[in-house]
N, C-alpha and C. Protein backbone atom coordinates (compact mmCIF):
# COMPACT_ATOMS: atom_id res chain seq x y z
N MET A 1 85.54 114.93 120.04
CA MET A 1 84.79 114.26 118.66
C MET A 1 86.14 113.85 117.67
N ALA A 2 86.61 112.65 116.85
CA ALA A 2 87.87 112.30 116.68
C ALA A 2 87.65 112.81 115.31
N THR A 3 89.22 113.37 115.02
CA THR A 3 89.83 113.80 113.63
C THR A 3 88.62 112.89 112.30
N GLU A 4 88.10 113.93 111.78
CA GLU A 4 87.50 113.50 110.54
C GLU A 4 88.73 113.55 109.44
N GLY A 5 88.50 112.83 107.85
CA GLY A 5 89.20 113.38 107.02
C GLY A 5 90.52 112.92 107.33
N THR A 6 91.79 113.44 106.36
CA THR A 6 92.92 113.43 106.44
C THR A 6 93.79 114.16 107.91
N PHE A 7 95.03 113.48 108.23
CA PHE A 7 95.30 113.85 109.69
C PHE A 7 96.58 114.82 109.36
N ASN A 8 96.06 115.85 110.16
CA ASN A 8 97.30 117.09 110.28
C ASN A 8 98.48 116.44 110.98
N GLY A 9 99.44 116.23 110.41
CA GLY A 9 100.56 115.99 111.20
C GLY A 9 100.72 116.89 112.69
N THR A 10 100.58 118.01 112.58
CA THR A 10 100.75 118.73 113.66
C THR A 10 99.99 118.82 114.96
N LEU A 11 99.23 117.87 114.88
CA LEU A 11 98.37 117.51 115.83
C LEU A 11 99.09 116.53 116.70
N MET A 12 100.06 115.49 116.04
CA MET A 12 100.26 114.29 117.00
C MET A 12 101.73 114.91 117.49
N GLN A 13 102.06 113.79 118.60
CA GLN A 13 102.72 114.46 119.72
C GLN A 13 103.33 112.94 120.13
N VAL A 14 104.25 112.98 120.97
CA VAL A 14 105.01 111.71 121.56
C VAL A 14 105.09 112.39 123.09
N LEU A 15 104.98 111.17 123.60
CA LEU A 15 104.66 111.55 125.12
C LEU A 15 105.68 110.28 126.14
N THR A 16 106.10 110.46 126.74
CA THR A 16 107.02 109.73 127.65
C THR A 16 106.50 109.28 129.30
N SER A 17 106.77 108.12 129.41
CA SER A 17 106.03 108.11 130.67
C SER A 17 106.96 106.54 131.63
N SER A 18 107.08 106.93 133.15
CA SER A 18 107.94 105.95 133.61
C SER A 18 106.91 105.00 134.26
N ASP A 19 106.13 105.35 134.53
CA ASP A 19 105.02 104.37 135.15
C ASP A 19 103.75 103.72 134.36
N GLY A 20 103.79 104.39 133.18
CA GLY A 20 102.42 104.37 132.25
C GLY A 20 100.98 104.61 132.50
N THR A 21 101.16 106.07 133.60
CA THR A 21 100.01 107.20 133.44
C THR A 21 100.15 108.16 133.88
N SER A 22 101.22 108.72 133.99
CA SER A 22 101.86 109.89 133.90
C SER A 22 102.75 110.29 133.18
N TRP A 23 101.83 110.64 131.80
CA TRP A 23 102.91 111.22 130.74
C TRP A 23 103.31 112.57 130.62
N VAL A 24 104.69 112.98 130.08
CA VAL A 24 105.07 113.87 129.69
C VAL A 24 105.35 113.98 128.28
N GLU A 25 105.11 115.40 127.73
CA GLU A 25 105.18 115.62 126.23
C GLU A 25 106.52 115.83 125.58
N LEU A 26 107.12 115.04 124.68
CA LEU A 26 108.22 115.51 124.45
C LEU A 26 108.64 116.82 123.79
N ASN A 27 109.50 117.38 124.25
CA ASN A 27 109.78 119.02 123.65
C ASN A 27 110.01 119.30 122.46
N HIS A 28 109.45 120.29 121.51
CA HIS A 28 109.96 120.83 120.26
C HIS A 28 109.84 119.27 119.66
N PHE A 29 108.85 118.78 119.60
CA PHE A 29 108.76 117.45 118.57
C PHE A 29 108.28 118.22 117.65
N ILE A 30 108.94 117.32 116.24
CA ILE A 30 108.87 117.64 114.63
C ILE A 30 107.64 116.60 114.24
N SER A 31 108.70 115.54 114.39
CA SER A 31 108.15 114.36 113.71
C SER A 31 108.32 112.75 114.27
N ALA A 32 107.73 111.99 113.54
CA ALA A 32 107.79 110.53 114.09
C ALA A 32 107.11 109.88 113.32
N SER A 33 107.69 108.18 113.49
CA SER A 33 107.03 107.07 112.63
C SER A 33 106.72 105.96 114.02
N PHE A 34 105.79 105.64 113.29
CA PHE A 34 105.44 104.14 114.44
C PHE A 34 105.47 102.83 113.23
N SER A 35 106.26 102.12 113.73
CA SER A 35 106.57 100.78 112.89
C SER A 35 106.15 99.27 113.62
N LEU A 36 105.16 98.31 112.76
CA LEU A 36 104.85 97.35 113.34
C LEU A 36 105.43 96.18 112.24
N SER A 37 106.25 95.21 112.61
CA SER A 37 106.97 94.14 111.62
C SER A 37 106.81 92.85 112.14
N HIS A 38 106.57 92.07 111.20
CA HIS A 38 106.75 90.78 111.02
C HIS A 38 107.75 89.77 110.55
N SER A 39 108.24 88.77 110.93
CA SER A 39 109.69 88.51 110.49
C SER A 39 109.29 86.90 110.32
N PRO A 40 108.74 86.55 109.15
CA PRO A 40 108.28 85.22 109.52
C PRO A 40 109.90 84.11 109.31
N ARG A 41 109.31 82.62 110.22
CA ARG A 41 110.30 81.91 110.08
C ARG A 41 110.66 81.38 108.94
N SER A 42 111.78 80.97 108.71
CA SER A 42 111.73 79.96 107.72
C SER A 42 111.45 77.88 108.03
N THR A 43 110.88 77.94 106.86
CA THR A 43 110.36 76.24 107.12
C THR A 43 110.99 75.81 106.09
N THR A 44 111.95 76.52 105.05
CA THR A 44 112.56 75.56 103.83
C THR A 44 112.85 74.14 104.03
N SER A 45 112.89 73.11 103.22
CA SER A 45 113.83 71.91 103.69
C SER A 45 113.94 71.54 102.49
N ASN A 46 114.69 70.34 101.90
CA ASN A 46 114.95 69.63 100.71
C ASN A 46 113.55 69.31 99.61
N GLN A 47 112.17 69.17 100.47
CA GLN A 47 111.18 68.88 99.86
C GLN A 47 110.44 70.09 99.42
N SER A 48 111.07 71.66 99.33
CA SER A 48 110.24 72.67 99.30
C SER A 48 111.11 72.87 97.18
N GLY A 49 111.47 71.94 96.90
CA GLY A 49 111.49 72.13 95.53
C GLY A 49 112.21 73.40 95.43
N GLY A 50 113.13 73.92 95.98
CA GLY A 50 114.02 75.03 95.57
C GLY A 50 113.51 76.03 95.78
N TRP A 51 112.09 76.09 96.33
CA TRP A 51 111.34 77.26 96.94
C TRP A 51 111.80 77.79 98.45
N GLU A 52 112.00 78.69 98.79
CA GLU A 52 111.81 79.36 100.37
C GLU A 52 110.16 79.20 100.94
N THR A 53 109.94 78.69 102.25
CA THR A 53 108.84 78.45 102.29
C THR A 53 108.88 79.01 104.03
N LYS A 54 107.91 79.71 104.23
CA LYS A 54 107.85 80.66 105.62
C LYS A 54 106.89 80.45 106.35
N ALA A 55 106.78 80.18 108.05
CA ALA A 55 105.35 79.73 108.84
C ALA A 55 105.84 81.41 109.59
N GLU A 56 104.21 81.68 110.62
CA GLU A 56 104.78 82.72 111.15
C GLU A 56 105.88 82.79 112.05
N GLY A 57 106.39 84.05 112.68
CA GLY A 57 107.42 84.49 112.91
C GLY A 57 107.20 85.15 113.80
N MET A 58 108.42 86.14 114.39
CA MET A 58 108.64 87.58 115.57
C MET A 58 107.31 88.62 114.93
N ARG A 59 107.26 89.18 116.22
CA ARG A 59 106.60 90.14 115.49
C ARG A 59 107.20 91.62 116.51
N SER A 60 107.13 92.78 115.62
CA SER A 60 108.39 93.76 117.14
C SER A 60 107.63 95.12 116.37
N GLY A 61 107.67 96.38 117.04
CA GLY A 61 106.95 97.22 117.41
C GLY A 61 108.46 98.44 117.17
N SER A 62 108.16 99.62 116.98
CA SER A 62 109.48 100.63 116.93
C SER A 62 108.89 102.29 116.69
N LEU A 63 109.56 102.88 117.35
CA LEU A 63 108.58 104.26 116.64
C LEU A 63 110.08 105.33 116.90
N SER A 64 110.47 105.50 115.80
CA SER A 64 111.54 106.76 115.57
C SER A 64 111.01 108.37 115.53
N GLY A 65 112.16 109.17 115.60
CA GLY A 65 111.17 110.67 115.37
C GLY A 65 112.69 111.67 115.42
N GLU A 66 112.09 112.92 115.61
CA GLU A 66 112.99 113.75 115.60
C GLU A 66 112.44 115.00 115.98
N ALA A 67 113.49 115.63 116.98
CA ALA A 67 112.78 116.86 117.90
C ALA A 67 113.78 117.86 117.83
N LEU A 68 113.62 119.72 117.73
CA LEU A 68 114.67 120.52 118.00
C LEU A 68 115.44 120.19 119.51
N TYR A 69 116.51 120.92 119.22
CA TYR A 69 117.67 120.35 119.83
C TYR A 69 117.70 121.69 120.92
N ALA A 70 116.99 121.60 122.19
CA ALA A 70 117.07 122.85 123.18
C ALA A 70 118.35 122.62 124.53
N GLU A 71 118.84 123.10 124.71
CA GLU A 71 119.45 123.03 126.18
C GLU A 71 118.14 122.82 127.29
N ASP A 72 117.66 123.86 127.61
CA ASP A 72 116.19 124.35 128.57
C ASP A 72 115.25 123.01 128.54
N ALA A 73 115.42 122.12 127.51
CA ALA A 73 113.76 121.31 127.09
C ALA A 73 113.81 120.43 128.59
N THR A 74 112.50 120.73 129.12
CA THR A 74 112.59 119.59 130.30
C THR A 74 112.31 118.33 130.02
N ASN A 75 111.70 117.81 128.70
CA ASN A 75 111.63 116.46 128.45
C ASN A 75 112.26 116.63 127.05
N GLY A 76 113.96 116.35 126.67
CA GLY A 76 114.38 116.23 125.43
C GLY A 76 115.39 115.67 125.32
N TYR A 77 116.38 115.56 124.84
CA TYR A 77 117.25 115.24 124.13
C TYR A 77 118.03 114.46 125.64
N THR A 78 118.43 115.45 126.35
CA THR A 78 119.38 114.97 127.53
C THR A 78 118.59 114.17 128.40
N GLN A 79 117.22 114.37 128.50
CA GLN A 79 116.58 112.96 129.29
C GLN A 79 116.47 111.67 128.66
N LEU A 80 116.03 111.59 127.15
CA LEU A 80 116.24 110.50 126.55
C LEU A 80 117.21 109.99 126.70
N ARG A 81 118.46 110.67 126.19
CA ARG A 81 120.13 110.29 126.43
C ARG A 81 120.23 109.38 127.91
N THR A 82 119.77 109.92 129.08
CA THR A 82 119.78 109.32 130.31
C THR A 82 118.84 107.87 129.95
N LEU A 83 117.87 107.75 129.92
CA LEU A 83 117.29 106.87 129.62
C LEU A 83 117.95 105.84 129.10
N LEU A 84 118.57 106.10 127.72
CA LEU A 84 119.17 105.42 127.11
C LEU A 84 120.06 104.62 127.82
N LYS A 85 120.86 105.62 128.14
CA LYS A 85 122.46 105.12 129.04
C LYS A 85 122.13 104.49 130.34
N ASN A 86 120.92 104.95 131.20
CA ASN A 86 120.57 103.78 131.95
C ASN A 86 119.87 102.57 131.73
N ARG A 87 119.31 102.50 130.62
CA ARG A 87 118.89 101.35 130.04
C ARG A 87 117.37 101.15 130.89
N THR A 88 117.00 102.29 130.75
CA THR A 88 115.49 102.53 131.64
C THR A 88 114.34 101.66 130.72
N LEU A 89 113.77 100.80 131.66
CA LEU A 89 112.28 100.39 130.58
C LEU A 89 111.36 101.72 130.67
N THR A 90 110.85 102.19 129.42
CA THR A 90 110.21 102.97 129.84
C THR A 90 109.05 103.63 128.84
N TYR A 91 107.93 104.09 129.12
CA TYR A 91 106.57 103.90 128.38
C TYR A 91 106.50 104.84 127.69
N VAL A 92 106.40 104.90 126.39
CA VAL A 92 106.10 105.59 125.07
C VAL A 92 104.75 105.42 124.36
N ARG A 93 103.69 106.86 124.30
CA ARG A 93 102.53 106.72 123.67
C ARG A 93 103.12 107.96 122.04
N TYR A 94 102.14 107.53 121.16
CA TYR A 94 102.44 108.31 120.16
C TYR A 94 100.83 108.28 119.96
N THR A 95 100.57 109.68 119.59
CA THR A 95 99.10 110.18 119.88
C THR A 95 98.65 111.93 119.45
N SER A 96 97.75 111.83 119.39
CA SER A 96 97.24 113.58 118.97
C SER A 96 96.67 113.98 120.79
N ASP A 97 95.98 114.92 121.17
CA ASP A 97 95.23 115.09 121.87
C ASP A 97 93.60 115.24 121.66
N VAL A 98 93.60 114.97 120.55
CA VAL A 98 91.95 114.96 120.54
C VAL A 98 91.10 114.10 120.51
N SER A 99 89.97 114.06 121.31
CA SER A 99 88.99 112.84 122.06
C SER A 99 88.54 112.32 121.05
N GLY A 100 88.72 110.58 121.31
CA GLY A 100 88.03 109.75 119.83
C GLY A 100 89.10 109.12 119.18
N ASP A 101 90.56 110.30 119.13
CA ASP A 101 91.51 109.82 118.04
C ASP A 101 92.55 108.36 118.90
N LYS A 102 92.95 107.58 117.61
CA LYS A 102 93.67 106.51 118.20
C LYS A 102 95.07 107.00 118.71
N TYR A 103 95.53 105.62 119.94
CA TYR A 103 96.93 106.38 119.98
C TYR A 103 97.88 104.58 120.02
N GLU A 104 98.80 104.96 120.04
CA GLU A 104 100.03 103.79 120.37
C GLU A 104 100.87 104.07 121.18
N GLN A 105 100.88 102.88 122.25
CA GLN A 105 101.65 102.94 122.90
C GLN A 105 102.35 101.57 123.51
N GLY A 106 103.20 101.67 124.78
CA GLY A 106 103.59 100.29 124.73
C GLY A 106 105.19 100.47 125.78
N GLN A 107 105.79 99.53 126.14
CA GLN A 107 107.28 100.14 127.17
C GLN A 107 107.91 99.28 126.10
N GLY A 108 109.19 99.94 126.49
CA GLY A 108 110.82 99.18 126.14
C GLY A 108 111.50 100.31 126.12
N TYR A 109 112.48 100.37 125.06
CA TYR A 109 114.05 100.92 125.62
C TYR A 109 114.28 101.71 124.39
N PHE A 110 114.90 103.10 124.84
CA PHE A 110 115.19 103.57 123.89
C PHE A 110 116.49 103.32 123.38
N THR A 111 116.58 103.15 121.65
CA THR A 111 117.95 102.17 121.84
C THR A 111 118.94 103.00 121.08
N GLN A 112 118.64 104.44 120.61
CA GLN A 112 119.37 105.27 119.69
C GLN A 112 118.90 106.99 120.16
N VAL A 113 119.76 107.68 120.33
CA VAL A 113 119.78 109.12 120.35
C VAL A 113 120.82 109.90 119.55
N GLU A 114 120.74 111.10 118.92
CA GLU A 114 121.51 111.22 118.04
C GLU A 114 121.11 112.91 117.77
N LYS A 115 121.94 113.51 117.98
CA LYS A 115 122.05 115.04 117.97
C LYS A 115 122.88 115.59 116.90
N SER A 116 122.70 116.45 116.13
CA SER A 116 122.89 116.89 114.58
C SER A 116 122.68 118.54 114.70
N ASN A 117 123.88 119.40 114.25
CA ASN A 117 123.23 120.46 113.66
C ASN A 117 123.27 120.34 112.18
N GLY A 118 122.36 121.39 111.73
CA GLY A 118 121.99 120.73 110.48
C GLY A 118 123.13 121.68 109.41
N GLY A 119 123.73 122.33 109.93
CA GLY A 119 124.81 123.05 109.14
C GLY A 119 124.84 124.40 109.48
N PRO A 120 125.82 125.18 109.08
CA PRO A 120 125.51 127.07 108.98
C PRO A 120 124.30 127.74 109.17
N GLU A 121 124.07 128.36 110.20
CA GLU A 121 122.94 129.00 110.60
C GLU A 121 121.41 127.96 110.58
N GLU A 122 121.44 126.70 110.85
CA GLU A 122 120.40 126.08 110.72
C GLU A 122 119.76 125.34 112.16
N THR A 123 118.95 124.89 112.62
CA THR A 123 118.30 124.86 113.68
C THR A 123 119.10 123.31 114.33
N MET A 124 119.60 122.92 115.65
CA MET A 124 120.19 121.83 115.62
C MET A 124 118.75 120.95 116.29
N THR A 125 119.24 119.30 115.67
CA THR A 125 117.69 118.48 115.49
C THR A 125 118.56 117.22 116.95
N TYR A 126 117.74 116.77 117.24
CA TYR A 126 117.90 115.24 117.56
C TYR A 126 116.93 113.86 117.30
N SER A 127 117.26 113.14 116.76
CA SER A 127 116.61 112.17 116.37
C SER A 127 116.61 110.97 117.57
N PHE A 128 115.86 109.72 117.56
CA PHE A 128 115.87 108.82 118.52
C PHE A 128 114.77 107.63 117.68
N GLU A 129 115.52 106.59 118.64
CA GLU A 129 114.73 105.24 118.23
C GLU A 129 114.59 104.69 119.24
N PHE A 130 113.04 103.84 119.48
CA PHE A 130 112.75 103.42 120.40
C PHE A 130 112.11 102.07 120.41
N GLU A 131 112.44 100.75 120.89
CA GLU A 131 112.05 99.75 120.27
C GLU A 131 111.05 99.02 121.59
N PHE A 132 109.91 98.84 121.39
CA PHE A 132 108.64 98.02 122.24
C PHE A 132 109.07 96.83 122.44
N SER A 133 109.40 96.61 123.77
CA SER A 133 109.06 94.83 124.78
C SER A 133 107.90 94.56 124.64
N GLY A 134 107.74 93.71 124.18
CA GLY A 134 105.65 92.96 124.21
C GLY A 134 105.22 94.12 122.72
N GLU A 135 104.15 93.54 122.92
CA GLU A 135 102.95 93.85 121.83
C GLU A 135 102.93 95.70 122.46
N PRO A 136 103.04 96.68 121.42
CA PRO A 136 101.82 98.02 121.17
C PRO A 136 100.84 97.86 121.45
N THR A 137 99.98 98.51 122.53
CA THR A 137 98.48 98.94 122.64
C THR A 137 98.10 99.70 121.54
N GLN A 138 96.88 99.47 121.29
CA GLN A 138 95.90 101.09 120.61
C GLN A 138 94.81 100.90 121.15
N GLY A 139 94.83 102.26 121.57
CA GLY A 139 93.81 102.79 122.59
C GLY A 139 93.18 103.89 121.86
N THR A 140 91.72 104.50 122.41
CA THR A 140 91.29 105.59 121.78
C THR A 140 91.32 106.63 123.02
N ILE A 141 91.39 107.80 122.62
CA ILE A 141 91.67 109.00 123.48
C ILE A 141 90.41 109.15 124.10
N SER A 142 90.09 109.31 125.31
CA SER A 142 88.98 109.76 125.92
C SER A 142 88.32 111.22 126.30
């Protein structure tokens, strides 16, 4: 049964896949943001009366997130760094594991990975940026 009411972020996870069918959970995941954007194109001309006019334009999607850094992670910073370095087309899914909930997924590229120590006596983290190539799809967990 799908999650009811407000959503507890602890349910969410980020998964990666090389083929879009076999998914691996990102280790030590903390948070993520899924975003869709639309960049209207300019149609401004001399007849626009000094006002900028627009028409439909390009759409894009991205996923950014943060996780705890661990040297022994099987799907963490080192693996995402390798995917970025090799410019590997990768599938990503942003989801819970609750039957009936919606997920967002698609293929694209990791465009940034960054690791950071939080300061003295703080836990190291890493962040990532992923850009979809084509339209991300939304589905329902069965």
